[in-house]
Amino acid sequence: MSPDEYVEAILAVAARDASIARILREICALDGAVRAGALDLVGAHLGAQRVGRDVVECLEALRQEEVARRIAERLEPSG
């Protein structure tokens, strides 16, 4: 998938679940190195479970600064 496709797919999931949107907003707003560490922890947790390749690919996409920035911008709280 392209970065644009990852952004749209991740935002579609966030639109269906407010708790996911809140977590994504927090993770994507982190500094790149801190975000990578947080994603390492999530990946380690998910490694103990059976998750689809698409989930792993989305975690990798969130490591990309451009993807994270665009998601954070779109998930900014209104008001």
N, C-alpha and C. Protein backbone atom coordinates (compact mmCIF):
# COMPACT_ATOMS: atom_id res chain seq x y z
N MET A 1 0.84 -1.19 0.00
CA MET A 1 0.00 0.00 0.00
C MET A 1 0.88 1.25 0.00
N SER A 2 0.35 2.28 -0.57
CA SER A 2 1.06 3.56 -0.56
C SER A 2 0.81 4.27 0.77
N PRO A 3 1.64 5.27 1.11
CA PRO A 3 1.38 6.04 2.34
C PRO A 3 -0.04 6.62 2.37
N ASP A 4 -0.54 7.10 1.23
CA ASP A 4 -1.90 7.64 1.18
C ASP A 4 -2.93 6.57 1.53
N GLU A 5 -2.72 5.37 1.02
CA GLU A 5 -3.66 4.28 1.30
C GLU A 5 -3.62 3.89 2.77
N TYR A 6 -2.42 3.88 3.37
CA TYR A 6 -2.33 3.59 4.80
C TYR A 6 -3.05 4.64 5.62
N VAL A 7 -2.83 5.90 5.28
CA VAL A 7 -3.48 6.99 6.02
C VAL A 7 -4.99 6.81 5.96
N GLU A 8 -5.53 6.58 4.78
CA GLU A 8 -6.98 6.45 4.63
C GLU A 8 -7.51 5.21 5.34
N ALA A 9 -6.81 4.10 5.25
CA ALA A 9 -7.26 2.87 5.92
C ALA A 9 -7.24 3.04 7.44
N ILE A 10 -6.18 3.63 7.96
CA ILE A 10 -6.07 3.83 9.41
C ILE A 10 -7.13 4.80 9.89
N LEU A 11 -7.37 5.86 9.14
CA LEU A 11 -8.40 6.83 9.52
C LEU A 11 -9.80 6.22 9.44
N ALA A 12 -10.02 5.30 8.50
CA ALA A 12 -11.32 4.64 8.40
C ALA A 12 -11.59 3.81 9.66
N VAL A 13 -10.58 3.13 10.15
CA VAL A 13 -10.74 2.35 11.39
C VAL A 13 -10.98 3.29 12.56
N ALA A 14 -10.22 4.37 12.62
CA ALA A 14 -10.38 5.34 13.71
C ALA A 14 -11.77 5.97 13.71
N ALA A 15 -12.34 6.15 12.54
CA ALA A 15 -13.67 6.74 12.45
C ALA A 15 -14.75 5.82 13.03
N ARG A 16 -14.48 4.52 13.05
CA ARG A 16 -15.45 3.56 13.57
C ARG A 16 -15.29 3.31 15.07
N ASP A 17 -14.17 3.75 15.64
CA ASP A 17 -13.93 3.45 17.06
C ASP A 17 -13.20 4.63 17.70
N ALA A 18 -13.90 5.35 18.56
CA ALA A 18 -13.33 6.55 19.18
C ALA A 18 -12.12 6.24 20.05
N SER A 19 -12.08 5.06 20.67
CA SER A 19 -10.93 4.72 21.51
C SER A 19 -9.68 4.53 20.66
N ILE A 20 -9.83 3.95 19.49
CA ILE A 20 -8.70 3.81 18.58
C ILE A 20 -8.25 5.18 18.09
N ALA A 21 -9.19 6.04 17.79
CA ALA A 21 -8.86 7.40 17.34
C ALA A 21 -8.04 8.13 18.40
N ARG A 22 -8.44 8.01 19.68
CA ARG A 22 -7.70 8.69 20.76
C ARG A 22 -6.28 8.16 20.86
N ILE A 23 -6.11 6.85 20.80
CA ILE A 23 -4.78 6.25 20.90
C ILE A 23 -3.92 6.66 19.71
N LEU A 24 -4.49 6.59 18.51
CA LEU A 24 -3.73 7.00 17.33
C LEU A 24 -3.32 8.46 17.40
N ARG A 25 -4.22 9.31 17.87
CA ARG A 25 -3.91 10.74 17.99
C ARG A 25 -2.70 10.92 18.90
N GLU A 26 -2.69 10.21 20.02
CA GLU A 26 -1.58 10.32 20.97
C GLU A 26 -0.28 9.77 20.40
N ILE A 27 -0.34 8.59 19.79
CA ILE A 27 0.87 7.97 19.24
C ILE A 27 1.44 8.81 18.11
N CYS A 28 0.57 9.26 17.21
CA CYS A 28 1.04 10.01 16.04
C CYS A 28 1.57 11.39 16.39
N ALA A 29 1.18 11.93 17.53
CA ALA A 29 1.66 13.24 17.95
C ALA A 29 3.03 13.16 18.62
N LEU A 30 3.50 11.96 18.92
CA LEU A 30 4.80 11.80 19.58
C LEU A 30 5.95 12.11 18.64
N ASP A 31 7.07 12.51 19.23
CA ASP A 31 8.32 12.65 18.49
C ASP A 31 8.63 11.30 17.84
N GLY A 32 9.28 11.33 16.68
CA GLY A 32 9.55 10.11 15.93
C GLY A 32 10.22 9.00 16.71
N ALA A 33 11.24 9.33 17.50
CA ALA A 33 11.95 8.31 18.27
C ALA A 33 11.06 7.74 19.38
N VAL A 34 10.30 8.60 20.02
CA VAL A 34 9.39 8.15 21.09
C VAL A 34 8.28 7.31 20.47
N ARG A 35 7.77 7.75 19.33
CA ARG A 35 6.72 7.00 18.63
C ARG A 35 7.23 5.61 18.26
N ALA A 36 8.47 5.52 17.77
CA ALA A 36 9.04 4.23 17.40
C ALA A 36 9.12 3.31 18.62
N GLY A 37 9.50 3.86 19.76
CA GLY A 37 9.55 3.06 20.99
C GLY A 37 8.18 2.56 21.40
N ALA A 38 7.18 3.43 21.29
CA ALA A 38 5.81 3.04 21.63
C ALA A 38 5.32 1.95 20.68
N LEU A 39 5.64 2.09 19.40
CA LEU A 39 5.23 1.09 18.43
C LEU A 39 5.97 -0.23 18.63
N ASP A 40 7.21 -0.15 19.11
CA ASP A 40 7.95 -1.38 19.46
C ASP A 40 7.21 -2.13 20.56
N LEU A 41 6.74 -1.40 21.56
CA LEU A 41 5.98 -2.04 22.66
C LEU A 41 4.68 -2.65 22.16
N VAL A 42 3.97 -1.93 21.32
CA VAL A 42 2.72 -2.46 20.76
C VAL A 42 3.02 -3.71 19.93
N GLY A 43 4.08 -3.62 19.11
CA GLY A 43 4.46 -4.76 18.28
C GLY A 43 4.84 -5.98 19.11
N ALA A 44 5.55 -5.76 20.20
CA ALA A 44 5.93 -6.87 21.08
C ALA A 44 4.68 -7.51 21.69
N HIS A 45 3.75 -6.68 22.12
CA HIS A 45 2.51 -7.19 22.69
C HIS A 45 1.74 -8.00 21.64
N LEU A 46 1.63 -7.46 20.44
CA LEU A 46 0.90 -8.15 19.39
C LEU A 46 1.62 -9.39 18.89
N GLY A 47 2.94 -9.41 19.06
CA GLY A 47 3.71 -10.58 18.64
C GLY A 47 3.33 -11.83 19.41
N ALA A 48 2.82 -11.65 20.60
CA ALA A 48 2.38 -12.78 21.42
C ALA A 48 0.99 -13.25 21.02
N GLN A 49 0.35 -12.51 20.14
CA GLN A 49 -1.00 -12.85 19.68
C GLN A 49 -0.95 -13.12 18.18
N ARG A 50 -1.98 -13.68 17.69
CA ARG A 50 -2.07 -13.91 16.24
C ARG A 50 -2.75 -12.68 15.62
N VAL A 51 -1.97 -11.86 14.95
CA VAL A 51 -2.54 -10.69 14.27
C VAL A 51 -2.24 -10.81 12.79
N GLY A 52 -3.08 -10.20 12.01
CA GLY A 52 -2.91 -10.25 10.56
C GLY A 52 -1.74 -9.40 10.09
N ARG A 53 -1.26 -9.75 8.93
CA ARG A 53 -0.16 -9.01 8.33
C ARG A 53 -0.52 -7.54 8.15
N ASP A 54 -1.80 -7.27 7.88
CA ASP A 54 -2.23 -5.89 7.68
C ASP A 54 -2.01 -5.05 8.93
N VAL A 55 -2.18 -5.65 10.11
CA VAL A 55 -1.95 -4.93 11.36
C VAL A 55 -0.48 -4.59 11.50
N VAL A 56 0.38 -5.55 11.22
CA VAL A 56 1.83 -5.34 11.30
C VAL A 56 2.25 -4.26 10.30
N GLU A 57 1.69 -4.30 9.10
CA GLU A 57 2.02 -3.30 8.09
C GLU A 57 1.57 -1.90 8.51
N CYS A 58 0.42 -1.81 9.16
CA CYS A 58 -0.05 -0.52 9.64
C CYS A 58 0.86 0.03 10.73
N LEU A 59 1.34 -0.84 11.62
CA LEU A 59 2.30 -0.40 12.64
C LEU A 59 3.55 0.15 11.98
N GLU A 60 4.02 -0.52 10.95
CA GLU A 60 5.21 -0.05 10.23
C GLU A 60 4.92 1.29 9.55
N ALA A 61 3.74 1.45 8.99
CA ALA A 61 3.38 2.71 8.33
C ALA A 61 3.37 3.86 9.34
N LEU A 62 2.93 3.58 10.57
CA LEU A 62 2.89 4.63 11.60
C LEU A 62 4.28 5.11 12.00
N ARG A 63 5.30 4.37 11.67
CA ARG A 63 6.68 4.79 11.94
C ARG A 63 7.12 5.90 10.98
N GLN A 64 6.45 5.99 9.84
CA GLN A 64 6.80 7.00 8.84
C GLN A 64 6.31 8.37 9.29
N GLU A 65 7.19 9.31 9.32
CA GLU A 65 6.86 10.66 9.81
C GLU A 65 5.70 11.27 9.05
N GLU A 66 5.71 11.16 7.75
CA GLU A 66 4.64 11.76 6.93
C GLU A 66 3.29 11.13 7.25
N VAL A 67 3.24 9.82 7.37
CA VAL A 67 1.99 9.13 7.69
C VAL A 67 1.50 9.57 9.07
N ALA A 68 2.38 9.55 10.05
CA ALA A 68 2.00 9.93 11.42
C ALA A 68 1.53 11.38 11.48
N ARG A 69 2.22 12.26 10.79
CA ARG A 69 1.85 13.68 10.80
C ARG A 69 0.46 13.88 10.21
N ARG A 70 0.20 13.23 9.08
CA ARG A 70 -1.09 13.40 8.43
C ARG A 70 -2.23 12.83 9.27
N ILE A 71 -1.99 11.71 9.92
CA ILE A 71 -3.03 11.13 10.78
C ILE A 71 -3.27 12.04 11.98
N ALA A 72 -2.20 12.52 12.60
CA ALA A 72 -2.35 13.41 13.76
C ALA A 72 -3.13 14.66 13.39
N GLU A 73 -2.85 15.22 12.21
CA GLU A 73 -3.56 16.42 11.77
C GLU A 73 -5.05 16.14 11.58
N ARG A 74 -5.37 15.01 10.99
CA ARG A 74 -6.77 14.68 10.70
C ARG A 74 -7.54 14.28 11.96
N LEU A 75 -6.83 13.80 12.98
CA LEU A 75 -7.49 13.37 14.21
C LEU A 75 -7.45 14.43 15.31
N GLU A 76 -6.98 15.63 14.99
CA GLU A 76 -6.95 16.68 15.99
C GLU A 76 -8.33 16.89 16.56
N PRO A 77 -8.41 17.05 17.88
CA PRO A 77 -9.73 17.29 18.46
C PRO A 77 -10.29 18.62 17.97
N SER A 78 -11.56 18.66 17.73
CA SER A 78 -12.17 19.93 17.28
C SER A 78 -12.60 20.73 18.48
N GLY A 79 -12.63 22.00 18.28
CA GLY A 79 -13.11 22.87 19.35
C GLY A 79 -12.03 23.66 19.88
